[in-house]
Amino acid sequence: MSSLKRSLIQLHVFVFLAGLTAPLGNLIQLNGLYIVFYRILLTVLALSPIYLLHQQPNKVSLKEKGWLMFIGVLISIHWVCFYGSIKLANVSVALVCISCVGLFTAILEPLLFKTKFIWSELLIGLLSLIGILFIFQFDIQFRTGILVGLVSALFASIFTIFNKRLTAQYTTQTIQTFEMLGGLGFLAVVIFGMNQYQNATFLLPTKSDWFWLIILSLVCTVLANHLMLSALKKISAFTLNVSLNLEPVYGIIIAIILFQEHKQMGKGFFIGMSLIAISVMLQMLRVMHQQKTK
């Protein structure tokens, strides 16, 4: 099997696991902030031994560790907004908002790294945004959830662009470990500050919450992130982000089966989903054409 085909398989499995995170988040009774805190805590506990056994011979400098941990902060904000969108709207709406990651990437990557804009990427990403606007216009009860979901997509785009630059320098274990440590430290400070300000107590998961959190952490975070970072060694950040538009397909099918969410949706949702599906197909055709012409 060629390295490119292996990367595409890894990408597809990663996208499926990414789609599974939303239904799992809906099953967990905690709010978005605590879901992400426990998800990252369990992930760090799983990753630390792996990192210590497989760390690179050349040690990571303090500055580089700080940069990786900063990216972890971005990831944690993305996740908090993502689960916040689920709680404010539902699984399907939160997943659909992720489709705007491709558009944000097409805009931000050239701005951050002083490269040329690729207009085909912008147009494909814009098609996803139009799909979101259809849902926003017709399903007004989900507007707050959509706005929070779009913030989640923005942060997802930023940290994916940065991660693409790091995969050539560090092992996946190194990247994951320090990013998760950064996210954990950031959320611990946020939760402590909020509890002090509101005079609130620290929330603990129920037994069923622990079960879903373990699956969310070990399968949908440790394994999924390893697959994603490995795939990024051979594919572009934009291809990854547009491929993530398949995430709503998997997640929404699961949400329909588990939560009957299709009964909550109006015509705007299905029009928007159709436009997003077209954007996914266009990007896949574009990538295949590029590979044939090389």
C-alpha atoms as a PDB file:
ATOM      1  CA  MET A   1       0.000   0.000   0.000  1.00  0.00           C
ATOM      2  CA  SER A   2       1.388   3.430  -0.967  1.00  0.00           C
ATOM      3  CA  SER A   3       1.978   6.040   1.709  1.00  0.00           C
ATOM      4  CA  LEU A   4      -0.666   8.298   0.124  1.00  0.00           C
ATOM      5  CA  LYS A   5      -3.339   5.578   0.190  1.00  0.00           C
ATOM      6  CA  ARG A   6      -2.441   4.773   3.792  1.00  0.00           C
ATOM      7  CA  SER A   7      -2.793   8.444   4.697  1.00  0.00           C
ATOM      8  CA  LEU A   8      -6.216   8.647   3.017  1.00  0.00           C
ATOM      9  CA  ILE A   9      -7.417   5.582   4.963  1.00  0.00           C
ATOM     10  CA  GLN A  10      -6.113   7.105   8.192  1.00  0.00           C
ATOM     11  CA  LEU A  11      -7.907  10.323   7.299  1.00  0.00           C
ATOM     12  CA  HIS A  12     -11.209   8.521   6.687  1.00  0.00           C
ATOM     13  CA  VAL A  13     -11.055   6.621   9.996  1.00  0.00           C
ATOM     14  CA  PHE A  14     -10.167   9.849  11.793  1.00  0.00           C
ATOM     15  CA  VAL A  15     -13.177  11.631  10.271  1.00  0.00           C
ATOM     16  CA  PHE A  16     -15.500   8.805  11.368  1.00  0.00           C
ATOM     17  CA  LEU A  17     -14.178   8.979  14.934  1.00  0.00           C
ATOM     18  CA  ALA A  18     -14.495  12.774  14.831  1.00  0.00           C
ATOM     19  CA  GLY A  19     -18.152  12.342  13.877  1.00  0.00           C
ATOM     20  CA  LEU A  20     -18.632  10.034  16.854  1.00  0.00           C
ATOM     21  CA  THR A  21     -17.460  12.670  19.368  1.00  0.00           C
ATOM     22  CA  ALA A  22     -20.628  14.756  19.035  1.00  0.00           C
ATOM     23  CA  PRO A  23     -23.145  12.009  19.912  1.00  0.00           C
ATOM     24  CA  LEU A  24     -20.881  10.974  22.795  1.00  0.00           C
ATOM     25  CA  GLY A  25     -20.868  14.570  24.037  1.00  0.00           C
ATOM     26  CA  ASN A  26     -24.659  14.605  23.951  1.00  0.00           C
ATOM     27  CA  LEU A  27     -24.777  11.420  26.045  1.00  0.00           C
ATOM     28  CA  ILE A  28     -22.556  12.998  28.729  1.00  0.00           C
ATOM     29  CA  GLN A  29     -24.566  15.069  31.205  1.00  0.00           C
ATOM     30  CA  LEU A  30     -21.788  17.578  32.010  1.00  0.00           C
ATOM     31  CA  ASN A  31     -21.581  20.997  30.332  1.00  0.00           C
ATOM     32  CA  GLY A  32     -19.139  21.654  27.494  1.00  0.00           C
ATOM     33  CA  LEU A  33     -16.365  23.050  29.703  1.00  0.00           C
ATOM     34  CA  TYR A  34     -16.257  20.037  32.012  1.00  0.00           C
ATOM     35  CA  ILE A  35     -16.639  17.540  29.150  1.00  0.00           C
ATOM     36  CA  VAL A  36     -13.490  18.927  27.553  1.00  0.00           C
ATOM     37  CA  PHE A  37     -11.607  19.134  30.868  1.00  0.00           C
ATOM     38  CA  TYR A  38     -12.176  15.455  31.660  1.00  0.00           C
ATOM     39  CA  ARG A  39     -11.589  14.451  28.046  1.00  0.00           C
ATOM     40  CA  ILE A  40      -8.182  16.107  28.056  1.00  0.00           C
ATOM     41  CA  LEU A  41      -7.341  14.866  31.579  1.00  0.00           C
ATOM     42  CA  LEU A  42      -7.921  11.235  30.572  1.00  0.00           C
ATOM     43  CA  THR A  43      -6.058  11.819  27.311  1.00  0.00           C
ATOM     44  CA  VAL A  44      -3.002  13.182  29.135  1.00  0.00           C
ATOM     45  CA  LEU A  45      -3.001  10.198  31.514  1.00  0.00           C
ATOM     46  CA  ALA A  46      -3.001   7.880  28.489  1.00  0.00           C
ATOM     47  CA  LEU A  47      -0.457   9.818  26.432  1.00  0.00           C
ATOM     48  CA  SER A  48       2.202  10.521  29.057  1.00  0.00           C
ATOM     49  CA  PRO A  49       3.540   6.927  29.313  1.00  0.00           C
ATOM     50  CA  ILE A  50       3.501   6.614  25.500  1.00  0.00           C
ATOM     51  CA  TYR A  51       5.498   9.831  25.138  1.00  0.00           C
ATOM     52  CA  LEU A  52       8.058   8.810  27.755  1.00  0.00           C
ATOM     53  CA  LEU A  53       8.626   5.500  25.945  1.00  0.00           C
ATOM     54  CA  HIS A  54       8.780   6.923  22.407  1.00  0.00           C
ATOM     55  CA  GLN A  55      10.079  10.463  22.804  1.00  0.00           C
ATOM     56  CA  GLN A  56      12.498  11.814  20.218  1.00  0.00           C
ATOM     57  CA  PRO A  57      16.235  11.574  20.995  1.00  0.00           C
ATOM     58  CA  ASN A  58      16.632  15.320  20.545  1.00  0.00           C
ATOM     59  CA  LYS A  59      14.748  16.960  23.381  1.00  0.00           C
ATOM     60  CA  VAL A  60      12.116  19.577  22.648  1.00  0.00           C
ATOM     61  CA  SER A  61      13.224  23.064  23.707  1.00  0.00           C
ATOM     62  CA  LEU A  62      11.286  25.088  26.258  1.00  0.00           C
ATOM     63  CA  LYS A  63      10.168  27.547  23.567  1.00  0.00           C
ATOM     64  CA  GLU A  64       8.900  24.713  21.349  1.00  0.00           C
ATOM     65  CA  LYS A  65       7.051  23.133  24.268  1.00  0.00           C
ATOM     66  CA  GLY A  66       5.389  26.472  24.942  1.00  0.00           C
ATOM     67  CA  TRP A  67       4.288  26.745  21.302  1.00  0.00           C
ATOM     68  CA  LEU A  68       2.830  23.225  21.319  1.00  0.00           C
ATOM     69  CA  MET A  69       1.006  23.956  24.573  1.00  0.00           C
ATOM     70  CA  PHE A  70      -0.403  27.180  23.102  1.00  0.00           C
ATOM     71  CA  ILE A  71      -1.850  25.177  20.211  1.00  0.00           C
ATOM     72  CA  GLY A  72      -3.369  22.907  22.877  1.00  0.00           C
ATOM     73  CA  VAL A  73      -5.147  25.958  24.301  1.00  0.00           C
ATOM     74  CA  LEU A  74      -6.637  26.615  20.839  1.00  0.00           C
ATOM     75  CA  ILE A  75      -7.775  22.988  20.633  1.00  0.00           C
ATOM     76  CA  SER A  76      -9.428  23.183  24.049  1.00  0.00           C
ATOM     77  CA  ILE A  77     -11.330  26.362  23.065  1.00  0.00           C
ATOM     78  CA  HIS A  78     -12.471  24.647  19.854  1.00  0.00           C
ATOM     79  CA  TRP A  79     -13.773  21.658  21.820  1.00  0.00           C
ATOM     80  CA  VAL A  80     -15.532  23.766  24.470  1.00  0.00           C
ATOM     81  CA  CYS A  81     -17.340  25.746  21.763  1.00  0.00           C
ATOM     82  CA  PHE A  82     -18.151  22.557  19.881  1.00  0.00           C
ATOM     83  CA  TYR A  83     -19.823  20.903  22.871  1.00  0.00           C
ATOM     84  CA  GLY A  84     -21.383  24.218  23.807  1.00  0.00           C
ATOM     85  CA  SER A  85     -22.991  24.287  20.359  1.00  0.00           C
ATOM     86  CA  ILE A  86     -24.379  20.782  20.950  1.00  0.00           C
ATOM     87  CA  LYS A  87     -25.923  21.815  24.264  1.00  0.00           C
ATOM     88  CA  LEU A  88     -27.333  25.085  22.797  1.00  0.00           C
ATOM     89  CA  ALA A  89     -28.697  23.468  19.616  1.00  0.00           C
ATOM     90  CA  ASN A  90     -28.140  19.786  18.934  1.00  0.00           C
ATOM     91  CA  VAL A  91     -25.607  17.311  17.558  1.00  0.00           C
ATOM     92  CA  SER A  92     -26.541  17.851  13.906  1.00  0.00           C
ATOM     93  CA  VAL A  93     -26.240  21.652  14.006  1.00  0.00           C
ATOM     94  CA  ALA A  94     -22.869  21.548  15.791  1.00  0.00           C
ATOM     95  CA  LEU A  95     -21.513  19.077  13.254  1.00  0.00           C
ATOM     96  CA  VAL A  96     -22.716  21.061  10.247  1.00  0.00           C
ATOM     97  CA  CYS A  97     -20.945  24.189  11.523  1.00  0.00           C
ATOM     98  CA  ILE A  98     -17.627  22.322  11.347  1.00  0.00           C
ATOM     99  CA  SER A  99     -17.949  22.405   7.550  1.00  0.00           C
ATOM    100  CA  CYS A 100     -16.840  26.061   7.585  1.00  0.00           C
ATOM    101  CA  VAL A 101     -13.365  24.987   8.691  1.00  0.00           C
ATOM    102  CA  GLY A 102     -12.406  24.645   4.997  1.00  0.00           C
ATOM    103  CA  LEU A 103     -13.343  28.245   4.233  1.00  0.00           C
ATOM    104  CA  PHE A 104     -11.526  29.588   7.295  1.00  0.00           C
ATOM    105  CA  THR A 105      -8.435  27.583   6.308  1.00  0.00           C
ATOM    106  CA  ALA A 106      -8.486  28.894   2.728  1.00  0.00           C
ATOM    107  CA  ILE A 107      -8.524  32.460   4.104  1.00  0.00           C
ATOM    108  CA  LEU A 108      -6.237  32.179   7.133  1.00  0.00           C
ATOM    109  CA  GLU A 109      -3.407  29.969   5.826  1.00  0.00           C
ATOM    110  CA  PRO A 110      -2.315  32.458   3.119  1.00  0.00           C
ATOM    111  CA  LEU A 111      -2.631  35.359   5.582  1.00  0.00           C
ATOM    112  CA  LEU A 112      -0.609  33.635   8.316  1.00  0.00           C
ATOM    113  CA  PHE A 113       2.169  32.297   6.086  1.00  0.00           C
ATOM    114  CA  LYS A 114       2.216  34.926   3.308  1.00  0.00           C
ATOM    115  CA  THR A 115       1.268  32.511   0.523  1.00  0.00           C
ATOM    116  CA  LYS A 116      -1.070  32.978  -2.445  1.00  0.00           C
ATOM    117  CA  PHE A 117      -4.816  32.538  -2.112  1.00  0.00           C
ATOM    118  CA  ILE A 118      -6.140  29.494  -3.947  1.00  0.00           C
ATOM    119  CA  TRP A 119      -9.439  30.640  -5.395  1.00  0.00           C
ATOM    120  CA  SER A 120     -10.811  27.160  -5.966  1.00  0.00           C
ATOM    121  CA  GLU A 121     -10.395  26.467  -2.238  1.00  0.00           C
ATOM    122  CA  LEU A 122     -12.142  29.739  -1.376  1.00  0.00           C
ATOM    123  CA  LEU A 123     -15.080  28.959  -3.670  1.00  0.00           C
ATOM    124  CA  ILE A 124     -15.502  25.434  -2.300  1.00  0.00           C
ATOM    125  CA  GLY A 125     -15.311  26.733   1.254  1.00  0.00           C
ATOM    126  CA  LEU A 126     -17.795  29.483   0.425  1.00  0.00           C
ATOM    127  CA  LEU A 127     -20.296  26.854  -0.727  1.00  0.00           C
ATOM    128  CA  SER A 128     -20.168  25.327   2.771  1.00  0.00           C
ATOM    129  CA  LEU A 129     -20.789  28.758   4.301  1.00  0.00           C
ATOM    130  CA  ILE A 130     -23.845  29.262   2.087  1.00  0.00           C
ATOM    131  CA  GLY A 131     -25.124  25.938   3.379  1.00  0.00           C
ATOM    132  CA  ILE A 132     -24.711  27.178   6.960  1.00  0.00           C
ATOM    133  CA  LEU A 133     -26.555  30.408   6.097  1.00  0.00           C
ATOM    134  CA  PHE A 134     -29.528  28.424   4.817  1.00  0.00           C
ATOM    135  CA  ILE A 135     -29.771  26.664   8.162  1.00  0.00           C
ATOM    136  CA  PHE A 136     -29.268  29.943  10.043  1.00  0.00           C
ATOM    137  CA  GLN A 137     -32.017  31.644   8.061  1.00  0.00           C
ATOM    138  CA  PHE A 138     -34.691  28.968   8.316  1.00  0.00           C
ATOM    139  CA  ASP A 139     -33.993  27.251  11.656  1.00  0.00           C
ATOM    140  CA  ILE A 140     -33.926  30.350  13.859  1.00  0.00           C
ATOM    141  CA  GLN A 141     -34.179  28.367  17.120  1.00  0.00           C
ATOM    142  CA  PHE A 142     -30.616  27.155  16.519  1.00  0.00           C
ATOM    143  CA  ARG A 143     -28.977  30.541  15.864  1.00  0.00           C
ATOM    144  CA  THR A 144     -27.042  30.796  19.149  1.00  0.00           C
ATOM    145  CA  GLY A 145     -25.795  27.248  18.734  1.00  0.00           C
ATOM    146  CA  ILE A 146     -24.759  28.007  15.137  1.00  0.00           C
ATOM    147  CA  LEU A 147     -22.768  31.095  16.153  1.00  0.00           C
ATOM    148  CA  VAL A 148     -20.926  29.148  18.871  1.00  0.00           C
ATOM    149  CA  GLY A 149     -20.364  26.337  16.371  1.00  0.00           C
ATOM    150  CA  LEU A 150     -18.799  28.757  13.873  1.00  0.00           C
ATOM    151  CA  VAL A 151     -16.391  29.990  16.563  1.00  0.00           C
ATOM    152  CA  SER A 152     -15.498  26.343  17.127  1.00  0.00           C
ATOM    153  CA  ALA A 153     -14.815  25.932  13.391  1.00  0.00           C
ATOM    154  CA  LEU A 154     -12.590  29.032  13.373  1.00  0.00           C
ATOM    155  CA  PHE A 155     -10.366  27.682  16.157  1.00  0.00           C
ATOM    156  CA  ALA A 156     -10.312  24.240  14.498  1.00  0.00           C
ATOM    157  CA  SER A 157      -8.970  25.845  11.323  1.00  0.00           C
ATOM    158  CA  ILE A 158      -6.237  27.753  13.171  1.00  0.00           C
ATOM    159  CA  PHE A 159      -4.849  24.829  15.131  1.00  0.00           C
ATOM    160  CA  THR A 160      -4.972  22.504  12.096  1.00  0.00           C
ATOM    161  CA  ILE A 161      -2.925  24.990  10.045  1.00  0.00           C
ATOM    162  CA  PHE A 162      -0.307  25.152  12.811  1.00  0.00           C
ATOM    163  CA  ASN A 163      -0.298  21.371  13.268  1.00  0.00           C
ATOM    164  CA  LYS A 164       0.413  20.889   9.563  1.00  0.00           C
ATOM    165  CA  ARG A 165       3.672  22.828  10.013  1.00  0.00           C
ATOM    166  CA  LEU A 166       4.669  20.753  13.052  1.00  0.00           C
ATOM    167  CA  THR A 167       4.204  17.221  11.705  1.00  0.00           C
ATOM    168  CA  ALA A 168       7.543  17.377   9.864  1.00  0.00           C
ATOM    169  CA  GLN A 169       9.404  18.367  13.050  1.00  0.00           C
ATOM    170  CA  TYR A 170       8.000  16.178  15.825  1.00  0.00           C
ATOM    171  CA  THR A 171       6.524  12.744  16.393  1.00  0.00           C
ATOM    172  CA  THR A 172       2.768  12.469  16.836  1.00  0.00           C
ATOM    173  CA  GLN A 173       3.311  11.449  20.491  1.00  0.00           C
ATOM    174  CA  THR A 174       5.282  14.632  21.163  1.00  0.00           C
ATOM    175  CA  ILE A 175       2.683  16.882  19.519  1.00  0.00           C
ATOM    176  CA  GLN A 176      -0.286  15.266  21.232  1.00  0.00           C
ATOM    177  CA  THR A 177       1.307  15.151  24.685  1.00  0.00           C
ATOM    178  CA  PHE A 178       2.310  18.810  24.913  1.00  0.00           C
ATOM    179  CA  GLU A 179      -0.830  20.089  23.195  1.00  0.00           C
ATOM    180  CA  MET A 180      -3.043  18.195  25.633  1.00  0.00           C
ATOM    181  CA  LEU A 181      -0.954  19.408  28.592  1.00  0.00           C
ATOM    182  CA  GLY A 182      -1.443  22.990  27.402  1.00  0.00           C
ATOM    183  CA  GLY A 183      -5.202  22.518  27.041  1.00  0.00           C
ATOM    184  CA  LEU A 184      -5.472  20.843  30.430  1.00  0.00           C
ATOM    185  CA  GLY A 185      -3.600  23.629  32.208  1.00  0.00           C
ATOM    186  CA  PHE A 186      -5.671  26.321  30.490  1.00  0.00           C
ATOM    187  CA  LEU A 187      -9.018  24.701  31.360  1.00  0.00           C
ATOM    188  CA  ALA A 188      -7.933  24.017  34.948  1.00  0.00           C
ATOM    189  CA  VAL A 189      -7.238  27.742  35.399  1.00  0.00           C
ATOM    190  CA  VAL A 190     -10.553  28.699  33.742  1.00  0.00           C
ATOM    191  CA  ILE A 191     -12.595  26.292  35.891  1.00  0.00           C
ATOM    192  CA  PHE A 192     -10.827  27.342  39.097  1.00  0.00           C
ATOM    193  CA  GLY A 193     -11.366  31.027  38.309  1.00  0.00           C
ATOM    194  CA  MET A 194     -15.046  30.541  37.424  1.00  0.00           C
ATOM    195  CA  ASN A 195     -15.722  28.478  40.549  1.00  0.00           C
ATOM    196  CA  GLN A 196     -14.030  31.082  42.743  1.00  0.00           C
ATOM    197  CA  TYR A 197     -16.001  33.902  41.100  1.00  0.00           C
ATOM    198  CA  GLN A 198     -19.349  32.101  41.250  1.00  0.00           C
ATOM    199  CA  ASN A 199     -18.663  30.319  44.536  1.00  0.00           C
ATOM    200  CA  ALA A 200     -19.475  27.050  42.767  1.00  0.00           C
ATOM    201  CA  THR A 201     -18.293  23.500  43.418  1.00  0.00           C
ATOM    202  CA  PHE A 202     -16.234  21.331  41.104  1.00  0.00           C
ATOM    203  CA  LEU A 203     -18.472  19.025  39.018  1.00  0.00           C
ATOM    204  CA  LEU A 204     -17.810  15.282  38.950  1.00  0.00           C
ATOM    205  CA  PRO A 205     -19.004  12.878  36.247  1.00  0.00           C
ATOM    206  CA  THR A 206     -21.577  10.171  36.945  1.00  0.00           C
ATOM    207  CA  LYS A 207     -20.709   6.483  36.364  1.00  0.00           C
ATOM    208  CA  SER A 208     -22.254   6.573  32.888  1.00  0.00           C
ATOM    209  CA  ASP A 209     -20.410   9.842  32.157  1.00  0.00           C
ATOM    210  CA  TRP A 210     -17.090   8.188  33.049  1.00  0.00           C
ATOM    211  CA  PHE A 211     -17.819   5.349  30.618  1.00  0.00           C
ATOM    212  CA  TRP A 212     -18.517   7.691  27.693  1.00  0.00           C
ATOM    213  CA  LEU A 213     -15.611   9.956  28.652  1.00  0.00           C
ATOM    214  CA  ILE A 214     -13.170   7.034  28.518  1.00  0.00           C
ATOM    215  CA  ILE A 215     -14.346   6.140  24.999  1.00  0.00           C
ATOM    216  CA  LEU A 216     -14.212   9.804  24.008  1.00  0.00           C
ATOM    217  CA  SER A 217     -10.659  10.151  25.312  1.00  0.00           C
ATOM    218  CA  LEU A 218      -8.948   6.911  24.332  1.00  0.00           C
ATOM    219  CA  VAL A 219     -10.664   6.147  21.018  1.00  0.00           C
ATOM    220  CA  CYS A 220     -11.879   9.509  19.714  1.00  0.00           C
ATOM    221  CA  THR A 221      -8.903  11.561  20.961  1.00  0.00           C
ATOM    222  CA  VAL A 222      -5.713   9.503  21.431  1.00  0.00           C
ATOM    223  CA  LEU A 223      -6.278   7.145  18.499  1.00  0.00           C
ATOM    224  CA  ALA A 224      -8.059   9.694  16.276  1.00  0.00           C
ATOM    225  CA  ASN A 225      -5.429  12.420  16.744  1.00  0.00           C
ATOM    226  CA  HIS A 226      -2.643   9.942  16.015  1.00  0.00           C
ATOM    227  CA  LEU A 227      -4.353   9.051  12.727  1.00  0.00           C
ATOM    228  CA  MET A 228      -4.945  12.711  11.868  1.00  0.00           C
ATOM    229  CA  LEU A 229      -1.362  13.810  12.539  1.00  0.00           C
ATOM    230  CA  SER A 230       0.000  10.825  10.604  1.00  0.00           C
ATOM    231  CA  ALA A 231      -2.250  11.639   7.632  1.00  0.00           C
ATOM    232  CA  LEU A 232      -1.095  15.283   7.648  1.00  0.00           C
ATOM    233  CA  LYS A 233       2.413  14.124   6.727  1.00  0.00           C
ATOM    234  CA  LYS A 234       1.132  13.350   3.213  1.00  0.00           C
ATOM    235  CA  ILE A 235      -1.975  15.490   2.684  1.00  0.00           C
ATOM    236  CA  SER A 236      -2.670  19.227   2.949  1.00  0.00           C
ATOM    237  CA  ALA A 237      -4.406  20.998   5.831  1.00  0.00           C
ATOM    238  CA  PHE A 238      -7.137  22.145   3.447  1.00  0.00           C
ATOM    239  CA  THR A 239      -7.801  18.586   2.238  1.00  0.00           C
ATOM    240  CA  LEU A 240      -8.043  17.462   5.861  1.00  0.00           C
ATOM    241  CA  ASN A 241     -10.421  20.259   6.794  1.00  0.00           C
ATOM    242  CA  VAL A 242     -12.691  19.811   3.788  1.00  0.00           C
ATOM    243  CA  SER A 243     -12.687  16.048   4.360  1.00  0.00           C
ATOM    244  CA  LEU A 244     -13.964  16.834   7.847  1.00  0.00           C
ATOM    245  CA  ASN A 245     -17.177  17.888   6.113  1.00  0.00           C
ATOM    246  CA  LEU A 246     -17.934  14.156   6.099  1.00  0.00           C
ATOM    247  CA  GLU A 247     -17.971  14.363   9.901  1.00  0.00           C
ATOM    248  CA  PRO A 248     -21.593  15.631   9.945  1.00  0.00           C
ATOM    249  CA  VAL A 249     -22.676  12.706   7.764  1.00  0.00           C
ATOM    250  CA  TYR A 250     -21.463  10.120  10.262  1.00  0.00           C
ATOM    251  CA  GLY A 251     -22.489  12.120  13.315  1.00  0.00           C
ATOM    252  CA  ILE A 252     -25.942  13.038  12.023  1.00  0.00           C
ATOM    253  CA  ILE A 253     -26.731   9.430  11.079  1.00  0.00           C
ATOM    254  CA  ILE A 254     -25.825   8.372  14.636  1.00  0.00           C
ATOM    255  CA  ALA A 255     -27.809  11.303  16.100  1.00  0.00           C
ATOM    256  CA  ILE A 256     -30.874  10.359  14.030  1.00  0.00           C
ATOM    257  CA  ILE A 257     -30.669   6.778  15.277  1.00  0.00           C
ATOM    258  CA  LEU A 258     -30.039   7.661  18.932  1.00  0.00           C
ATOM    259  CA  PHE A 259     -31.846  10.979  19.416  1.00  0.00           C
ATOM    260  CA  GLN A 260     -34.364  11.223  16.530  1.00  0.00           C
ATOM    261  CA  GLU A 261     -32.956  14.658  15.638  1.00  0.00           C
ATOM    262  CA  HIS A 262     -34.376  14.658  12.109  1.00  0.00           C
ATOM    263  CA  LYS A 263     -37.753  15.476  13.663  1.00  0.00           C
ATOM    264  CA  GLN A 264     -36.359  18.836  14.884  1.00  0.00           C
ATOM    265  CA  MET A 265     -35.046  19.942  11.481  1.00  0.00           C
ATOM    266  CA  GLY A 266     -36.718  22.228   8.950  1.00  0.00           C
ATOM    267  CA  LYS A 267     -36.183  22.502   5.197  1.00  0.00           C
ATOM    268  CA  GLY A 268     -33.284  24.944   5.622  1.00  0.00           C
ATOM    269  CA  PHE A 269     -31.215  22.267   7.331  1.00  0.00           C
ATOM    270  CA  PHE A 270     -31.576  19.782   4.492  1.00  0.00           C
ATOM    271  CA  ILE A 271     -30.894  22.433   1.807  1.00  0.00           C
ATOM    272  CA  GLY A 272     -27.779  23.474   3.696  1.00  0.00           C
ATOM    273  CA  MET A 273     -26.630  19.876   4.126  1.00  0.00           C
ATOM    274  CA  SER A 274     -27.011  19.321   0.369  1.00  0.00           C
ATOM    275  CA  LEU A 275     -24.754  22.294  -0.415  1.00  0.00           C
ATOM    276  CA  ILE A 276     -22.174  21.068   2.092  1.00  0.00           C
ATOM    277  CA  ALA A 277     -22.234  17.589   0.528  1.00  0.00           C
ATOM    278  CA  ILE A 278     -21.580  19.165  -2.894  1.00  0.00           C
ATOM    279  CA  SER A 279     -18.577  21.057  -1.483  1.00  0.00           C
ATOM    280  CA  VAL A 280     -17.134  17.785  -0.147  1.00  0.00           C
ATOM    281  CA  MET A 281     -17.519  16.045  -3.516  1.00  0.00           C
ATOM    282  CA  LEU A 282     -15.939  18.978  -5.368  1.00  0.00           C
ATOM    283  CA  GLN A 283     -12.890  18.970  -3.118  1.00  0.00           C
ATOM    284  CA  MET A 284     -12.450  15.206  -3.407  1.00  0.00           C
ATOM    285  CA  LEU A 285     -12.627  15.463  -7.230  1.00  0.00           C
ATOM    286  CA  ARG A 286     -10.133  18.336  -7.130  1.00  0.00           C
ATOM    287  CA  VAL A 287      -7.639  16.341  -5.022  1.00  0.00           C
ATOM    288  CA  MET A 288      -7.964  13.274  -7.269  1.00  0.00           C
ATOM    289  CA  HIS A 289      -7.349  15.419 -10.364  1.00  0.00           C
ATOM    290  CA  GLN A 290      -4.238  16.947  -8.797  1.00  0.00           C
ATOM    291  CA  GLN A 291      -2.840  13.487  -8.029  1.00  0.00           C
ATOM    292  CA  LYS A 292      -3.413  12.303 -11.624  1.00  0.00           C
ATOM    293  CA  THR A 293      -1.620  15.320 -13.113  1.00  0.00           C
ATOM    294  CA  LYS A 294       1.494  14.920 -10.947  1.00  0.00           C
END
